[in-house]
N, C-alpha and C. Protein backbone atom coordinates (compact mmCIF):
# COMPACT_ATOMS: atom_id res chain seq x y z
N MET A 1 -5.38 -14.50 7.97
CA MET A 1 -6.28 -14.35 6.70
C MET A 1 -5.65 -15.71 5.75
N SER A 2 -6.39 -15.82 5.95
CA SER A 2 -6.75 -17.18 4.88
C SER A 2 -6.64 -17.47 3.50
N GLN A 3 -6.26 -17.91 2.71
CA GLN A 3 -6.23 -17.74 1.08
C GLN A 3 -7.24 -17.88 0.51
N ASP A 4 -8.71 -18.75 1.12
CA ASP A 4 -9.94 -18.57 1.15
C ASP A 4 -10.12 -17.33 1.31
N ALA A 5 -10.23 -16.26 2.71
CA ALA A 5 -10.58 -15.44 2.73
C ALA A 5 -10.65 -14.53 1.72
N PHE A 6 -8.74 -14.08 1.05
CA PHE A 6 -8.07 -13.07 0.32
C PHE A 6 -9.38 -13.36 -0.73
N ASP A 7 -9.79 -14.83 -1.54
CA ASP A 7 -10.29 -15.11 -3.09
C ASP A 7 -11.53 -14.46 -2.18
N GLU A 8 -12.77 -14.52 -1.08
CA GLU A 8 -13.34 -14.43 -1.30
C GLU A 8 -13.47 -12.29 -0.78
N GLY A 9 -12.55 -11.45 -0.68
CA GLY A 9 -12.70 -10.39 -0.40
C GLY A 9 -12.52 -10.21 -1.60
N LEU A 10 -11.55 -10.52 -2.31
CA LEU A 10 -10.83 -9.99 -4.48
C LEU A 10 -12.20 -10.18 -4.84
N ALA A 11 -13.32 -11.28 -4.49
CA ALA A 11 -14.13 -11.59 -5.97
C ALA A 11 -15.36 -10.62 -5.71
N ALA A 12 -15.49 -10.42 -3.88
CA ALA A 12 -16.98 -9.09 -3.52
C ALA A 12 -15.73 -7.79 -4.00
N LEU A 13 -14.49 -7.48 -3.70
CA LEU A 13 -14.61 -6.41 -4.53
C LEU A 13 -14.32 -6.03 -6.03
N LYS A 14 -14.60 -7.02 -6.53
CA LYS A 14 -14.43 -6.92 -8.24
C LYS A 14 -15.82 -6.63 -8.41
N SER A 15 -16.82 -7.30 -7.60
CA SER A 15 -18.35 -7.30 -7.91
C SER A 15 -18.78 -6.11 -7.69
N ASP A 16 -18.17 -5.11 -6.12
CA ASP A 16 -18.68 -3.86 -5.79
C ASP A 16 -17.62 -2.27 -7.14
N LEU A 17 -16.53 -3.27 -7.39
CA LEU A 17 -16.20 -2.47 -8.56
C LEU A 17 -17.37 -2.26 -10.16
N LEU A 18 -17.37 -3.32 -10.15
CA LEU A 18 -18.47 -3.54 -11.71
C LEU A 18 -20.24 -3.25 -11.43
N ARG A 19 -20.24 -2.33 -10.47
CA ARG A 19 -21.34 -2.71 -10.45
C ARG A 19 -22.03 -1.54 -11.37
N PRO A 20 -23.65 -1.34 -11.57
CA PRO A 20 -24.32 -0.87 -12.70
C PRO A 20 -24.05 0.37 -11.90
N GLU A 21 -24.09 0.91 -11.34
CA GLU A 21 -24.37 2.19 -11.12
C GLU A 21 -22.94 3.11 -10.47
N GLY A 22 -22.05 1.96 -10.54
CA GLY A 22 -20.45 2.85 -10.90
C GLY A 22 -19.95 1.73 -9.49
N PRO A 23 -18.64 2.44 -9.47
CA PRO A 23 -17.83 0.88 -8.47
C PRO A 23 -18.46 2.17 -7.05
N SER A 24 -18.73 1.29 -5.87
CA SER A 24 -18.99 1.24 -4.69
C SER A 24 -17.85 0.33 -4.14
N ILE A 25 -16.67 0.68 -3.75
CA ILE A 25 -15.80 0.13 -2.27
C ILE A 25 -15.93 0.48 -0.58
N THR A 26 -16.93 1.32 -0.62
CA THR A 26 -17.11 2.03 0.63
C THR A 26 -18.33 2.38 1.03
N ASN A 27 -18.97 2.78 2.13
CA ASN A 27 -20.75 3.86 1.62
C ASN A 27 -20.22 5.15 1.21
N MET A 28 -19.10 5.59 1.15
CA MET A 28 -19.24 7.37 1.02
C MET A 28 -19.00 7.05 -0.22
N SER A 29 -19.17 7.60 -1.02
CA SER A 29 -18.90 7.42 -2.77
C SER A 29 -18.12 8.09 -2.89
N GLU A 30 -17.64 9.62 -2.20
CA GLU A 30 -16.22 10.64 -2.42
C GLU A 30 -15.03 9.34 -1.91
N TYR A 31 -15.28 8.32 -1.42
CA TYR A 31 -14.34 7.90 -0.52
C TYR A 31 -13.86 6.79 -1.17
N ARG A 32 -13.44 6.41 -1.91
CA ARG A 32 -12.91 5.16 -2.95
C ARG A 32 -12.65 4.41 -2.32
N PHE A 33 -11.76 3.87 -1.19
CA PHE A 33 -10.81 3.50 -0.54
C PHE A 33 -10.85 2.48 -0.24
N ALA A 34 -10.00 1.11 -0.77
CA ALA A 34 -10.34 -0.09 0.38
C ALA A 34 -8.73 -0.73 0.51
N VAL A 35 -9.11 -2.14 1.13
CA VAL A 35 -7.56 -2.32 1.49
C VAL A 35 -8.45 -4.00 1.90
N LEU A 36 -7.32 -4.55 1.00
CA LEU A 36 -7.57 -6.89 0.83
C LEU A 36 -6.30 -6.68 1.09
N PRO A 37 -6.22 -7.49 2.89
CA PRO A 37 -5.28 -7.47 3.07
C PRO A 37 -5.22 -9.50 2.42
N TYR A 38 -3.48 -10.08 3.07
CA TYR A 38 -3.73 -11.12 2.35
C TYR A 38 -2.59 -11.87 3.55
N LYS A 39 -2.31 -12.93 2.86
CA LYS A 39 -1.60 -13.84 4.06
C LYS A 39 0.07 -13.29 3.04
N PRO A 40 1.05 -12.50 4.19
CA PRO A 40 2.34 -12.06 3.11
C PRO A 40 2.91 -13.41 2.49
N THR A 41 3.60 -14.69 3.00
CA THR A 41 3.92 -15.49 2.30
C THR A 41 3.02 -16.26 0.93
N LYS A 42 1.73 -15.68 0.15
CA LYS A 42 1.19 -15.85 -0.39
C LYS A 42 1.39 -14.60 -1.54
N GLU A 43 2.01 -13.69 -1.51
CA GLU A 43 2.28 -12.96 -2.44
C GLU A 43 2.46 -12.92 -3.77
N PHE A 44 2.75 -14.56 -4.02
CA PHE A 44 3.12 -14.49 -5.42
C PHE A 44 1.84 -14.98 -6.13
N TYR A 45 0.71 -15.69 -5.19
CA TYR A 45 -0.25 -16.19 -5.17
C TYR A 45 -1.23 -14.80 -5.82
N VAL A 46 -0.88 -14.09 -5.12
CA VAL A 46 -2.01 -12.73 -4.30
C VAL A 46 -1.80 -11.83 -5.81
N ARG A 47 -0.70 -11.53 -6.89
CA ARG A 47 0.23 -11.43 -8.03
C ARG A 47 -1.15 -11.24 -9.15
N LYS A 48 -0.75 -13.21 -9.19
CA LYS A 48 -1.45 -13.50 -10.23
C LYS A 48 -2.53 -13.22 -9.87
N GLN A 49 -3.48 -13.94 -9.19
CA GLN A 49 -4.62 -13.64 -9.25
C GLN A 49 -5.49 -11.46 -9.17
N VAL A 50 -4.63 -11.36 -8.88
CA VAL A 50 -4.91 -10.16 -9.33
C VAL A 50 -4.70 -9.29 -10.41
N ARG A 51 -3.37 -9.63 -10.96
CA ARG A 51 -3.64 -9.84 -12.18
C ARG A 51 -5.14 -9.76 -13.53
N GLU A 52 -5.27 -11.14 -13.35
CA GLU A 52 -6.22 -12.02 -13.43
C GLU A 52 -7.34 -10.82 -13.45
N VAL A 53 -7.62 -10.55 -12.47
CA VAL A 53 -8.90 -9.09 -12.35
C VAL A 53 -8.34 -8.32 -13.39
N SER A 54 -6.92 -7.55 -12.88
CA SER A 54 -7.22 -6.92 -13.91
C SER A 54 -7.15 -7.26 -15.51
N ASP A 55 -6.99 -7.83 -15.29
CA ASP A 55 -7.00 -8.08 -17.37
C ASP A 55 -8.73 -8.02 -17.50
N ASP A 56 -9.26 -8.58 -16.60
CA ASP A 56 -10.42 -8.73 -16.98
C ASP A 56 -11.07 -7.77 -16.80
N LEU A 57 -10.99 -6.84 -15.74
CA LEU A 57 -11.53 -4.89 -16.32
C LEU A 57 -10.91 -4.84 -17.06
N LYS A 58 -9.27 -4.55 -17.76
CA LYS A 58 -9.78 -3.65 -18.97
C LYS A 58 -10.22 -4.86 -20.25
N SER A 59 -10.49 -6.13 -20.05
CA SER A 59 -11.14 -6.20 -20.91
C SER A 59 -12.99 -5.69 -21.18
N LYS A 60 -12.88 -4.69 -20.25
CA LYS A 60 -14.42 -4.52 -20.03
C LYS A 60 -14.52 -2.95 -20.42
N GLY A 61 -13.35 -2.49 -20.90
CA GLY A 61 -12.59 -0.86 -20.73
C GLY A 61 -12.41 -0.11 -19.45
N TRP A 62 -12.09 -0.69 -18.64
CA TRP A 62 -11.47 -0.08 -17.03
C TRP A 62 -9.69 0.59 -17.84
N GLN A 63 -9.31 1.16 -17.83
CA GLN A 63 -8.15 1.63 -17.07
C GLN A 63 -7.67 1.31 -15.19
N VAL A 64 -6.44 0.15 -15.45
CA VAL A 64 -6.13 -0.71 -14.71
C VAL A 64 -4.59 0.22 -14.46
N PHE A 65 -3.86 0.85 -13.06
CA PHE A 65 -2.63 0.95 -12.80
C PHE A 65 -2.41 0.21 -11.51
N GLU A 66 -0.85 0.18 -11.49
CA GLU A 66 0.01 -0.14 -10.30
C GLU A 66 0.76 0.25 -9.42
N LEU A 67 0.98 0.57 -8.89
CA LEU A 67 1.58 1.84 -7.63
C LEU A 67 2.94 0.85 -6.08
N PRO A 68 3.81 0.69 -7.44
CA PRO A 68 4.67 -0.21 -6.66
C PRO A 68 5.42 0.41 -5.54
N VAL A 69 4.93 0.43 -4.10
CA VAL A 69 5.08 1.56 -3.24
C VAL A 69 7.10 1.53 -3.52
N ASN A 70 7.45 0.42 -2.89
CA ASN A 70 9.07 -0.68 -3.00
C ASN A 70 9.61 1.10 -4.31
N LYS A 71 9.79 0.57 -5.43
CA LYS A 71 9.65 2.01 -6.30
C LYS A 71 9.85 3.54 -5.86
N LEU A 72 8.40 3.47 -5.20
CA LEU A 72 8.77 4.97 -4.39
C LEU A 72 9.70 4.91 -3.13
N LEU A 73 9.96 3.64 -2.56
CA LEU A 73 10.78 4.43 -1.16
C LEU A 73 13.03 4.25 -2.18
N LEU A 74 12.84 3.53 -3.15
CA LEU A 74 13.86 3.76 -3.56
C LEU A 74 14.31 4.88 -3.94
N LYS A 75 13.13 5.53 -4.59
CA LYS A 75 13.52 6.85 -5.12
C LYS A 75 13.29 7.31 -4.07
N ARG A 76 13.01 7.98 -2.82
CA ARG A 76 13.11 8.61 -1.42
C ARG A 76 14.90 8.20 -1.42
N LEU A 77 14.93 7.13 -1.51
CA LEU A 77 15.86 6.91 -0.36
C LEU A 77 17.55 7.97 -1.95
N ARG A 78 17.47 7.61 -2.40
CA ARG A 78 18.33 8.13 -3.84
C ARG A 78 18.03 9.30 -3.50
N SER A 79 17.26 10.17 -3.02
CA SER A 79 17.35 11.72 -2.66
C SER A 79 18.49 12.37 -2.17
N ALA A 80 18.85 11.44 -0.98
CA ALA A 80 19.12 11.63 0.27
C ALA A 80 20.62 11.70 -0.08
N PRO A 81 21.69 12.40 0.22
CA PRO A 81 22.67 12.84 0.44
C PRO A 81 23.09 11.55 -0.02
N GLN A 82 24.67 11.22 -0.68
CA GLN A 82 25.21 10.27 -0.73
C GLN A 82 26.18 9.78 -0.12
N GLU A 83 27.06 10.82 0.96
CA GLU A 83 27.45 11.06 2.46
C GLU A 83 26.85 10.25 3.29
N GLU A 84 25.13 11.09 3.63
CA GLU A 84 24.89 10.63 4.74
C GLU A 84 24.26 9.38 4.61
N LEU A 85 23.94 8.43 3.28
CA LEU A 85 23.40 7.22 3.33
C LEU A 85 24.69 6.83 4.05
N ASN A 86 26.09 6.22 3.30
CA ASN A 86 26.75 6.01 3.48
C ASN A 86 27.12 6.06 4.75
N SER A 87 27.22 7.16 6.10
CA SER A 87 27.14 7.59 7.05
C SER A 87 26.56 6.45 7.67
N TRP A 88 24.75 6.07 7.54
CA TRP A 88 23.74 5.34 8.00
C TRP A 88 24.32 3.46 7.36
N ILE A 89 24.66 3.66 6.66
CA ILE A 89 25.26 1.86 6.27
C ILE A 89 26.45 1.50 7.05
N SER A 90 27.54 2.27 6.87
CA SER A 90 28.95 2.68 7.68
C SER A 90 28.61 2.48 9.64
N ARG A 91 27.70 3.04 9.61
CA ARG A 91 27.26 2.46 11.70
C ARG A 91 26.63 1.15 12.01
N GLU A 92 25.74 1.27 10.73
CA GLU A 92 24.66 -0.43 10.77
C GLU A 92 25.43 -1.65 10.64
N LYS A 93 26.55 -1.80 10.03
CA LYS A 93 27.93 -2.27 10.29
C LYS A 93 28.41 -2.58 11.32
N ARG A 94 28.78 -1.45 11.79
CA ARG A 94 29.41 -1.22 12.87
C ARG A 94 28.72 -2.14 14.20
N LEU A 95 27.93 -2.07 13.80
CA LEU A 95 26.67 -2.03 14.95
C LEU A 95 26.15 -3.65 14.74
N VAL A 96 26.07 -4.60 13.53
CA VAL A 96 26.64 -5.86 13.05
C VAL A 96 27.48 -6.19 13.77
N ALA A 97 28.77 -5.81 13.58
CA ALA A 97 30.03 -6.92 13.90
C ALA A 97 29.42 -6.77 14.93
N LYS A 98 29.50 -6.16 15.98
CA LYS A 98 29.49 -6.24 17.69
C LYS A 98 28.46 -7.31 18.18
N GLY A 99 27.19 -7.88 17.09
CA GLY A 99 26.64 -8.07 17.99
C GLY A 99 25.03 -7.28 18.41
N ARG A 100 25.27 -6.25 17.64
CA ARG A 100 24.02 -5.45 18.51
C ARG A 100 22.88 -5.44 16.78
N LYS A 101 22.21 -6.98 16.49
CA LYS A 101 21.20 -6.01 15.79
C LYS A 101 20.21 -5.53 15.41
N GLU A 102 19.34 -5.63 16.79
CA GLU A 102 18.66 -4.78 17.57
C GLU A 102 18.80 -3.81 17.17
N ARG A 103 20.15 -3.34 18.04
CA ARG A 103 20.38 -1.59 17.44
C ARG A 103 20.27 -1.07 16.69
N ALA A 104 20.82 -1.54 15.23
CA ALA A 104 21.03 -2.05 14.39
C ALA A 104 19.68 -1.34 13.69
N LEU A 105 19.26 -2.33 13.51
CA LEU A 105 17.62 -2.82 12.67
C LEU A 105 16.98 -1.00 13.25
N ARG A 106 17.05 -0.54 14.57
CA ARG A 106 16.55 0.82 14.98
C ARG A 106 17.48 1.46 14.56
N THR A 107 18.42 1.95 14.67
CA THR A 107 19.34 2.76 14.27
C THR A 107 18.95 3.35 12.86
N ALA A 108 18.82 1.92 11.89
CA ALA A 108 18.18 2.61 10.13
C ALA A 108 16.21 2.34 9.88
N ILE A 109 15.85 2.50 11.30
CA ILE A 109 14.32 2.50 11.28
C ILE A 109 14.46 4.19 11.67
N ASP A 110 15.54 4.62 12.57
CA ASP A 110 15.33 6.20 12.82
C ASP A 110 15.50 6.77 11.87
N ASN A 111 16.78 6.58 11.03
CA ASN A 111 17.37 7.32 9.69
C ASN A 111 16.03 7.61 8.76
N LEU A 112 15.63 6.05 8.48
CA LEU A 112 14.47 6.41 7.68
C LEU A 112 13.49 6.85 7.60
N GLU A 113 13.47 7.33 8.86
CA GLU A 113 11.84 7.86 9.34
C GLU A 113 11.45 9.37 9.01
N TYR A 114 12.37 9.77 8.92
CA TYR A 114 11.99 11.34 8.50
C TYR A 114 12.03 11.13 7.04
N LEU A 115 12.32 10.34 6.38
CA LEU A 115 12.49 10.07 4.57
C LEU A 115 11.34 9.84 4.00
N ILE A 116 10.90 8.91 4.64
CA ILE A 116 9.15 7.91 4.37
C ILE A 116 7.85 8.45 5.27
N GLU A 117 8.40 9.03 6.16
CA GLU A 117 6.59 9.21 7.42
C GLU A 117 6.38 10.18 7.08
N GLY A 118 5.05 10.58 7.25
CA GLY A 118 3.96 11.88 7.99
C GLY A 118 4.20 12.08 6.10
N GLN A 119 3.24 13.62 6.33
CA GLN A 119 2.65 13.94 4.34
C GLN A 119 3.01 14.50 3.76
N ASN A 120 4.77 14.79 4.08
CA ASN A 120 5.50 14.95 3.12
C ASN A 120 6.53 13.42 2.28
N GLY A 121 6.08 12.49 3.18
CA GLY A 121 7.05 11.63 2.53
C GLY A 121 6.56 11.00 1.40
N ILE A 122 6.38 8.80 2.34
CA ILE A 122 5.75 8.40 0.98
C ILE A 122 4.56 8.42 0.66
N ALA A 123 3.64 9.02 1.55
CA ALA A 123 2.55 9.74 1.32
C ALA A 123 2.28 10.47 -0.03
N LYS A 124 2.87 11.51 0.36
CA LYS A 124 2.72 12.73 -0.52
C LYS A 124 3.36 12.60 -2.10
N ASP A 125 4.33 11.10 -2.43
CA ASP A 125 4.42 10.60 -3.51
C ASP A 125 3.83 9.00 -3.74
N ALA A 126 2.90 8.87 -3.50
CA ALA A 126 2.01 8.15 -3.77
C ALA A 126 0.70 9.45 -4.18
N ILE A 127 0.55 9.99 -3.26
CA ILE A 127 -1.27 11.23 -4.09
C ILE A 127 -0.72 11.89 -5.36
N GLU A 128 0.51 11.92 -5.49
CA GLU A 128 1.47 12.71 -6.69
C GLU A 128 1.31 12.12 -7.68
N GLU A 129 1.58 10.68 -7.10
CA GLU A 129 1.86 9.79 -8.53
C GLU A 129 0.12 9.07 -9.40
N ILE A 130 -0.13 9.46 -8.44
CA ILE A 130 -1.75 8.71 -8.41
C ILE A 130 -3.05 10.89 -9.11
N HIS A 131 -2.60 11.11 -8.60
CA HIS A 131 -2.46 12.78 -9.37
C HIS A 131 -1.82 12.96 -11.06
N ARG A 132 -0.90 11.92 -11.15
CA ARG A 132 -0.09 12.30 -12.37
C ARG A 132 -1.42 11.32 -13.17
N LEU A 133 -1.08 10.07 -12.56
CA LEU A 133 -2.35 9.13 -13.60
C LEU A 133 -3.54 9.39 -13.97
N ALA A 134 -4.03 10.50 -13.00
CA ALA A 134 -5.35 11.23 -13.49
C ALA A 134 -5.16 12.29 -14.99
N ASP A 135 -4.45 12.74 -14.48
CA ASP A 135 -3.90 14.20 -15.78
C ASP A 135 -2.73 13.18 -16.63
N VAL A 136 -2.60 11.96 -16.95
CA VAL A 136 -1.68 11.54 -17.98
C VAL A 136 -2.59 11.48 -18.75
N ASN A 137 -3.60 10.25 -18.43
CA ASN A 137 -4.46 9.40 -18.75
C ASN A 137 -5.87 9.70 -19.37
N GLN A 138 -6.51 10.95 -18.87
CA GLN A 138 -7.64 11.72 -18.75
C GLN A 138 -8.77 10.80 -17.97
N VAL A 139 -8.44 9.93 -16.52
CA VAL A 139 -8.90 9.00 -16.54
C VAL A 139 -10.47 9.18 -16.09
N ASP A 140 -11.55 8.07 -16.00
CA ASP A 140 -12.70 7.79 -16.13
C ASP A 140 -12.64 7.55 -14.96
N THR A 141 -13.30 8.12 -14.01
CA THR A 141 -13.07 7.83 -12.10
C THR A 141 -13.73 6.47 -12.27
N GLU A 142 -15.34 5.96 -13.19
CA GLU A 142 -16.35 5.12 -13.02
C GLU A 142 -15.34 4.19 -13.52
N LYS A 143 -14.43 4.06 -14.31
CA LYS A 143 -14.34 2.95 -14.39
C LYS A 143 -12.33 3.29 -15.05
N THR A 144 -11.53 3.29 -13.82
CA THR A 144 -10.47 3.31 -12.84
C THR A 144 -10.29 2.34 -11.66
N LEU A 145 -9.19 2.00 -11.83
CA LEU A 145 -8.62 1.25 -10.56
C LEU A 145 -7.09 1.44 -10.40
N VAL A 146 -6.43 2.20 -9.39
CA VAL A 146 -5.26 1.51 -9.25
C VAL A 146 -4.86 0.94 -7.22
N TRP A 147 -4.29 0.30 -7.82
CA TRP A 147 -3.65 -1.29 -7.24
C TRP A 147 -2.69 -0.61 -6.28
N ILE A 148 -1.86 -0.32 -5.02
CA ILE A 148 -0.84 -0.47 -4.67
C ILE A 148 0.21 -1.63 -4.05
N THR A 149 0.88 -1.71 -4.75
CA THR A 149 1.28 -3.45 -3.99
C THR A 149 2.94 -2.10 -3.18
N ARG A 150 2.90 -4.05 -2.99
CA ARG A 150 4.73 -3.98 -2.92
C ARG A 150 4.43 -3.40 -1.02
N MET A 151 3.59 -3.29 -0.81
CA MET A 151 3.82 -2.74 1.02
C MET A 151 4.63 -3.50 1.73
N GLY A 152 5.11 -4.27 1.41
CA GLY A 152 6.05 -5.49 2.50
C GLY A 152 7.53 -4.97 2.54
N SER A 153 7.71 -4.18 1.53
CA SER A 153 8.31 -3.42 1.22
C SER A 153 8.98 -2.90 2.15
N LEU A 154 7.77 -2.15 2.65
CA LEU A 154 8.33 -0.32 4.36
C LEU A 154 8.85 -1.40 5.69
N TYR A 155 8.59 -2.90 5.12
CA TYR A 155 8.24 -3.25 6.69
C TYR A 155 9.75 -3.28 7.00
N PRO A 156 10.09 -3.40 8.40
CA PRO A 156 9.50 -2.69 9.28
C PRO A 156 9.20 -1.02 9.70
N PHE A 157 10.03 -0.23 8.17
CA PHE A 157 10.42 0.81 8.49
C PHE A 157 9.28 1.90 8.98
N PHE A 158 7.33 1.39 8.83
CA PHE A 158 6.53 2.05 7.96
C PHE A 158 5.63 1.60 8.41
N ARG A 159 4.20 2.85 9.16
CA ARG A 159 3.22 2.20 9.90
C ARG A 159 2.19 2.17 8.31
N THR A 160 1.71 1.15 7.91
CA THR A 160 1.05 1.76 7.13
C THR A 160 -0.22 2.63 6.70
N SER A 161 -0.91 2.79 8.71
CA SER A 161 -1.59 3.46 8.83
C SER A 161 -1.79 4.64 8.37
N THR A 162 -0.78 5.38 8.14
CA THR A 162 -0.03 6.46 8.53
C THR A 162 0.11 6.44 7.06
N LEU A 163 0.21 5.88 5.78
CA LEU A 163 -0.68 6.24 4.55
C LEU A 163 -1.49 5.99 3.96
N LEU A 164 -2.12 5.00 4.62
CA LEU A 164 -3.62 5.71 4.51
C LEU A 164 -4.30 6.79 5.43
N LYS A 165 -3.85 7.16 5.38
CA LYS A 165 -4.97 8.48 6.83
C LYS A 165 -4.54 9.87 5.52
N HIS A 166 -2.71 10.22 5.44
CA HIS A 166 -3.04 10.80 4.55
C HIS A 166 -3.51 10.86 2.99
N LEU A 167 -3.61 9.71 2.49
CA LEU A 167 -4.63 9.25 1.26
C LEU A 167 -5.57 9.56 0.98
N ASP A 168 -6.11 9.57 2.42
CA ASP A 168 -7.09 9.70 2.64
C ASP A 168 -7.91 11.38 2.23
N GLY A 169 -9.15 10.91 0.91
CA GLY A 169 -9.45 12.44 0.57
C GLY A 169 -8.54 12.82 -0.65
N ASN A 170 -7.82 12.24 -1.45
CA ASN A 170 -6.57 13.08 -1.97
C ASN A 170 -6.63 11.98 -3.37
N THR A 171 -7.33 11.06 -4.03
CA THR A 171 -7.07 10.22 -5.26
C THR A 171 -8.49 10.72 -6.08
N ARG A 172 -8.90 11.79 -5.75
CA ARG A 172 -10.01 12.14 -6.72
C ARG A 172 -10.94 11.64 -7.36
N ARG A 173 -11.06 10.53 -6.23
CA ARG A 173 -12.26 9.58 -6.06
C ARG A 173 -12.28 8.43 -7.01
N ILE A 174 -10.55 8.64 -7.42
CA ILE A 174 -10.56 7.04 -8.60
C ILE A 174 -10.43 5.96 -6.90
N PRO A 175 -11.37 5.09 -7.47
CA PRO A 175 -11.42 3.67 -6.81
C PRO A 175 -9.83 3.55 -6.39
N VAL A 176 -9.33 3.38 -5.15
CA VAL A 176 -7.51 2.50 -4.93
C VAL A 176 -7.62 1.86 -3.84
N VAL A 177 -6.81 1.05 -4.53
CA VAL A 177 -6.93 -0.47 -3.52
C VAL A 177 -5.52 -1.22 -3.01
N VAL A 178 -5.49 -0.95 -1.44
CA VAL A 178 -4.10 -0.95 -1.22
C VAL A 178 -4.29 -2.84 -0.96
N LEU A 179 -3.40 -3.76 -1.45
CA LEU A 179 -2.67 -5.17 -1.50
C LEU A 179 -1.93 -4.88 0.22
N TYR A 180 -2.52 -5.49 1.16
CA TYR A 180 -2.21 -4.63 2.30
C TYR A 180 -1.48 -6.63 2.84
N PRO A 181 -0.24 -6.86 2.93
CA PRO A 181 0.36 -8.15 3.24
C PRO A 181 0.07 -8.35 5.23
N GLY A 182 -0.70 -8.71 5.58
CA GLY A 182 -1.03 -8.98 6.97
C GLY A 182 -2.12 -9.77 6.99
N ARG A 183 -2.43 -9.33 8.74
CA ARG A 183 -3.77 -10.13 9.06
C ARG A 183 -4.78 -9.24 9.54
N ARG A 184 -6.31 -9.46 9.11
CA ARG A 184 -7.03 -9.04 10.39
C ARG A 184 -7.17 -9.31 11.47
N VAL A 185 -7.26 -8.57 12.27
CA VAL A 185 -8.05 -9.39 14.11
C VAL A 185 -9.29 -8.99 13.78
N ASP A 186 -9.60 -7.67 13.52
CA ASP A 186 -10.87 -7.91 14.17
C ASP A 186 -11.60 -6.95 13.23
N LYS A 187 -12.65 -6.22 12.82
CA LYS A 187 -13.49 -5.42 11.99
C LYS A 187 -13.20 -4.42 11.63
N THR A 188 -11.90 -3.58 12.52
CA THR A 188 -10.98 -2.24 11.47
C THR A 188 -9.47 -2.43 12.38
N ALA A 189 -9.15 -3.79 12.55
CA ALA A 189 -7.51 -3.62 12.86
C ALA A 189 -7.33 -4.63 12.17
N LEU A 190 -5.95 -4.36 11.58
CA LEU A 190 -4.93 -5.01 10.74
C LEU A 190 -3.41 -5.22 11.91
N SER A 191 -3.08 -6.19 11.46
CA SER A 191 -1.19 -6.28 11.87
C SER A 191 -0.47 -6.37 10.53
N PHE A 192 0.70 -5.26 10.50
CA PHE A 192 1.01 -5.33 8.86
C PHE A 192 1.86 -7.01 9.26
N MET A 193 2.37 -7.31 7.58
CA MET A 193 2.99 -8.74 7.73
C MET A 193 3.06 -9.77 8.75
N ASP A 194 1.32 -9.97 9.38
CA ASP A 194 1.10 -10.47 10.89
C ASP A 194 2.63 -10.51 11.86
N GLU A 195 3.16 -9.39 11.67
CA GLU A 195 3.90 -9.26 12.91
C GLU A 195 3.48 -7.72 13.73
N THR A 196 3.03 -6.63 13.50
CA THR A 196 3.12 -5.87 14.46
C THR A 196 1.65 -5.57 15.38
N ASP A 197 2.13 -5.36 16.38
CA ASP A 197 0.43 -5.50 16.76
C ASP A 197 -0.31 -4.42 16.34
N ALA A 198 -1.97 -4.45 16.33
CA ALA A 198 -2.76 -4.56 15.48
C ALA A 198 -2.55 -2.93 15.87
N ASP A 199 -2.79 -2.39 14.99
CA ASP A 199 -3.79 -0.79 14.29
C ASP A 199 -5.13 -0.75 13.49
N ARG A 200 -5.57 -0.16 14.36
CA ARG A 200 -7.14 0.40 14.81
C ARG A 200 -7.19 1.75 13.99
N ASP A 201 -6.34 2.29 13.37
CA ASP A 201 -6.43 3.30 12.48
C ASP A 201 -6.48 3.01 10.95
N TYR A 202 -8.09 2.77 10.84
CA TYR A 202 -8.20 2.60 9.59
C TYR A 202 -9.45 2.90 8.69
N ARG A 203 -9.87 3.30 8.63
CA ARG A 203 -11.17 3.98 7.98
C ARG A 203 -11.49 3.21 6.20
N PRO A 204 -10.19 2.76 5.37
CA PRO A 204 -11.44 2.62 4.04
C PRO A 204 -11.68 0.84 4.55
N ARG A 205 -12.68 0.32 3.84
CA ARG A 205 -13.08 -0.54 4.12
C ARG A 205 -12.32 -1.26 3.85
N ILE A 206 -11.74 -2.54 4.19
CA ILE A 206 -11.17 -4.12 4.74
C ILE A 206 -11.67 -5.55 4.21
N TYR A 207 -11.44 -5.70 2.89
CA TYR A 207 -12.43 -6.64 2.45
C TYR A 207 -11.68 -7.99 2.99
N PRO A 208 -12.68 -9.16 3.07
CA PRO A 208 -14.07 -9.18 2.92
C PRO A 208 -14.43 -9.14 4.01
């Protein structure tokens, strides 16, 4: 995913959001959900460009919100019993001290899985936050955008296709765009952080 491809995707996304007939970021009017991949090493560049697009949309009367998933992850971790967290940390430290780093990582992934995976995990928190934003701000779905950001914080504990699957149909027609650190492999496949095997479980449009 080159910087040029990201710039092209962001420009196409902005154009689709600002169509005279209303936002159209997929071929399905009820499914306003898209993915914008970018090279993980370009994180700060992407934040700057997205902020500029957000400011421009706001100047045109849009409401623009950011939903950083790292905050959802931290909230999930804080919800776990402290004794349980301490036990996880101690075990991981012991494994690393013994030179078993891969086993330590696998243990961390296994421990976090029940907290963040599935329909009652991070996806549930994201849906609830989108609904809260809609209710509190009385949003006009024709002039509202939610960016889902900081997805890299979930690597390597979580497959982003899981989040997208559960968000499907739960955004109240608000345009939602996931900023995806990774590589587009083909028309419908993405490699998270440019490290994981390509995942083809993606229904949203992938820009550009």
